[in-house]
Protein backbone atom coordinates (compact mmCIF):
# COMPACT_ATOMS: atom_id res chain seq x y z
CA MET A 1 -24.23 -13.29 -38.17
CA ASP A 2 -20.70 -13.85 -36.80
CA TYR A 3 -19.02 -10.76 -35.46
CA GLN A 4 -15.32 -10.18 -35.13
CA LEU A 5 -15.81 -8.17 -31.97
CA ASP A 6 -17.44 -9.09 -28.68
CA TRP A 7 -20.44 -6.73 -28.55
CA ARG A 8 -22.08 -5.31 -25.43
CA PHE A 9 -25.33 -3.35 -25.72
CA GLN A 10 -26.26 -1.56 -22.53
CA THR A 11 -28.26 1.27 -21.05
CA PHE A 12 -26.26 3.94 -19.23
CA ASP A 13 -27.20 2.47 -15.84
CA GLU A 14 -25.99 -0.98 -16.93
CA LEU A 15 -22.48 0.31 -17.69
CA THR A 16 -19.84 -0.34 -15.07
CA THR A 17 -17.59 2.54 -14.11
CA THR A 18 -14.73 0.74 -15.89
CA GLU A 19 -16.78 0.40 -19.09
CA LEU A 20 -17.88 4.05 -18.94
CA TYR A 21 -14.28 5.17 -18.39
CA GLY A 22 -13.17 3.14 -21.44
CA ILE A 23 -15.92 4.67 -23.60
CA LEU A 24 -15.08 8.22 -22.55
CA ARG A 25 -11.37 7.56 -23.05
CA LEU A 26 -11.85 6.18 -26.58
CA ARG A 27 -14.07 9.10 -27.54
CA SER A 28 -11.49 11.56 -26.16
CA GLU A 29 -8.57 9.80 -27.88
CA VAL A 30 -10.24 10.05 -31.28
CA PHE A 31 -12.42 13.16 -31.19
CA VAL A 32 -10.39 15.42 -28.89
CA LEU A 33 -6.76 14.34 -29.39
CA GLU A 34 -6.67 12.86 -32.89
CA GLN A 35 -9.23 15.13 -34.56
CA ARG A 36 -8.45 18.13 -32.33
CA CYS A 37 -12.09 18.88 -31.52
CA CYS A 38 -12.56 21.06 -28.49
CA TYR A 39 -16.08 20.19 -27.36
CA LEU A 40 -18.02 19.01 -24.32
CA ASP A 41 -18.39 15.26 -24.84
CA ALA A 42 -20.50 14.88 -21.69
CA ASP A 43 -23.62 16.35 -23.31
CA ASN A 44 -26.25 14.79 -21.01
CA LYS A 45 -27.45 12.47 -23.79
CA ASP A 46 -25.53 9.39 -22.63
CA GLN A 47 -27.87 8.86 -19.68
CA ARG A 48 -30.90 8.37 -21.98
CA SER A 49 -29.07 6.46 -24.73
CA HIS A 50 -28.08 2.86 -25.30
CA HIS A 51 -24.39 2.11 -25.68
CA LEU A 52 -22.86 -0.34 -28.15
CA SER A 53 -19.30 -1.33 -27.34
CA GLY A 54 -17.13 -3.70 -29.38
CA TYR A 55 -14.26 -5.41 -27.60
CA ARG A 56 -11.30 -7.41 -28.90
CA ASP A 57 -9.39 -9.36 -26.26
CA GLY A 58 -11.03 -7.28 -23.55
CA GLU A 59 -10.03 -3.93 -25.08
CA LEU A 60 -12.60 -1.45 -26.42
CA MET A 61 -12.12 -1.10 -30.19
CA ALA A 62 -15.41 0.42 -31.42
CA PHE A 63 -18.33 2.32 -29.95
CA SER A 64 -21.59 4.04 -30.84
CA ARG A 65 -24.55 5.29 -28.91
CA ILE A 66 -28.17 4.86 -29.91
CA VAL A 67 -30.00 8.08 -29.12
CA PRO A 68 -33.79 7.92 -28.68
CA PRO A 69 -36.09 9.96 -30.91
CA GLY A 70 -36.63 13.52 -29.77
CA LEU A 71 -33.32 13.88 -27.91
CA SER A 72 -31.01 14.91 -30.78
CA TYR A 73 -33.35 14.65 -33.75
CA GLU A 74 -36.95 13.81 -34.56
CA TYR A 75 -35.79 10.25 -35.40
CA PRO A 76 -33.66 7.89 -33.37
CA ALA A 77 -30.00 8.47 -34.07
CA ILE A 78 -26.65 6.75 -34.04
CA GLY A 79 -23.98 8.99 -32.59
CA ARG A 80 -20.44 9.12 -31.23
CA ILE A 81 -19.48 6.54 -33.87
CA VAL A 82 -15.83 5.75 -33.25
CA VAL A 83 -13.21 3.09 -33.97
CA SER A 84 -9.90 3.05 -32.16
CA ARG A 85 -6.95 4.13 -34.28
CA LYS A 86 -5.20 0.81 -33.59
CA ALA A 87 -8.22 -1.12 -34.88
CA ARG A 88 -8.78 0.67 -38.18
CA GLY A 89 -8.54 -1.28 -41.40
CA ALA A 90 -9.93 -4.46 -39.85
CA GLY A 91 -13.54 -3.84 -40.98
CA TYR A 92 -14.72 -2.82 -37.53
CA GLY A 93 -16.34 0.38 -38.82
CA VAL A 94 -18.59 -1.65 -41.14
CA GLU A 95 -19.31 -4.11 -38.37
CA LEU A 96 -20.08 -1.27 -35.93
CA LEU A 97 -22.58 0.35 -38.31
CA ASN A 98 -24.28 -2.94 -39.14
CA VAL A 99 -24.68 -3.86 -35.47
CA SER A 100 -25.73 -0.28 -34.56
CA ILE A 101 -28.51 -0.33 -37.16
CA GLN A 102 -29.60 -3.80 -36.04
CA LYS A 103 -29.77 -2.74 -32.37
CA LEU A 104 -31.57 0.54 -33.15
CA GLU A 105 -34.20 -1.34 -35.18
CA ALA A 106 -34.62 -3.87 -32.35
CA LEU A 107 -35.43 -0.95 -30.02
CA TYR A 108 -37.50 1.28 -32.31
CA GLY A 109 -38.59 -0.82 -35.29
CA ASN A 110 -38.20 -0.02 -38.97
CA VAL A 111 -37.95 3.76 -38.67
CA PRO A 112 -35.82 6.45 -40.30
CA ILE A 113 -32.39 6.83 -38.66
CA ARG A 114 -30.49 10.11 -38.41
CA ILE A 115 -26.78 10.74 -38.02
CA GLY A 116 -24.58 13.82 -37.96
CA ALA A 117 -21.67 12.70 -40.14
CA GLN A 118 -18.28 14.12 -40.87
CA LEU A 119 -18.44 15.08 -44.54
CA TYR A 120 -15.42 13.00 -45.55
CA LEU A 121 -17.32 9.87 -44.44
CA LYS A 122 -20.36 10.58 -46.65
CA ARG A 123 -19.72 7.68 -49.07
CA PHE A 124 -19.14 5.29 -46.19
CA TYR A 125 -22.53 6.11 -44.66
CA GLU A 126 -24.22 6.07 -48.08
CA SER A 127 -23.17 2.42 -48.37
CA PHE A 128 -25.55 1.73 -45.45
CA GLY A 129 -28.47 3.55 -47.09
CA PHE A 130 -27.97 6.98 -45.49
CA ARG A 131 -28.61 10.04 -47.67
CA GLN A 132 -27.61 13.63 -47.09
CA SER A 133 -30.54 15.47 -45.52
CA GLY A 134 -29.03 18.82 -44.64
CA GLU A 135 -26.49 21.41 -45.70
CA VAL A 136 -22.83 21.20 -44.82
CA TYR A 137 -22.07 22.80 -41.46
CA LEU A 138 -18.94 23.32 -39.41
CA GLU A 139 -18.66 21.62 -36.06
CA ASP A 140 -15.32 22.01 -34.29
CA GLU A 141 -13.81 23.21 -37.61
CA ILE A 142 -14.76 19.90 -39.30
CA GLU A 143 -17.35 19.82 -42.10
CA HIS A 144 -20.42 17.77 -41.16
CA ILE A 145 -23.74 16.89 -42.75
CA GLU A 146 -26.96 15.47 -41.41
CA MET A 147 -27.80 12.16 -43.03
CA THR A 148 -30.99 10.11 -42.85
CA ARG A 149 -31.55 6.45 -43.58
CA PRO A 150 -35.19 6.01 -44.61
CA ASN A 151 -37.27 3.00 -43.60
CA GLN A 152 -35.81 -0.06 -45.28
């Protein structure tokens, strides 16, 4: 499969300080500034997760983290799913989810996958086989739902 972005898949310890800074900056730009969420991003899950970063011309455009089972949910999870504002509309969100699922399955096999999704993105995640698996809840004044993708 040809990807538009240059993908890096790393453990926390494999990240350089420059890469980690770029990841934290992108997450802050989108979640804290753009979406106005006041939350502690440094939640002590990054150290045990794998990190998927998509670069275009050396600049971070998309990111997700693959969280091992038992840390956030019973199942492995994809979290902190984010695409830079300047990269939206180029299909990077679809590419990010496809690569995230592929990398998670390479680590954990054909297992259910859990996400905590912003409600307005429900249809987007459904297109990847995720189904709502919990009630709507508020997180940082944004409606969210838990979604699960069963074994495929």
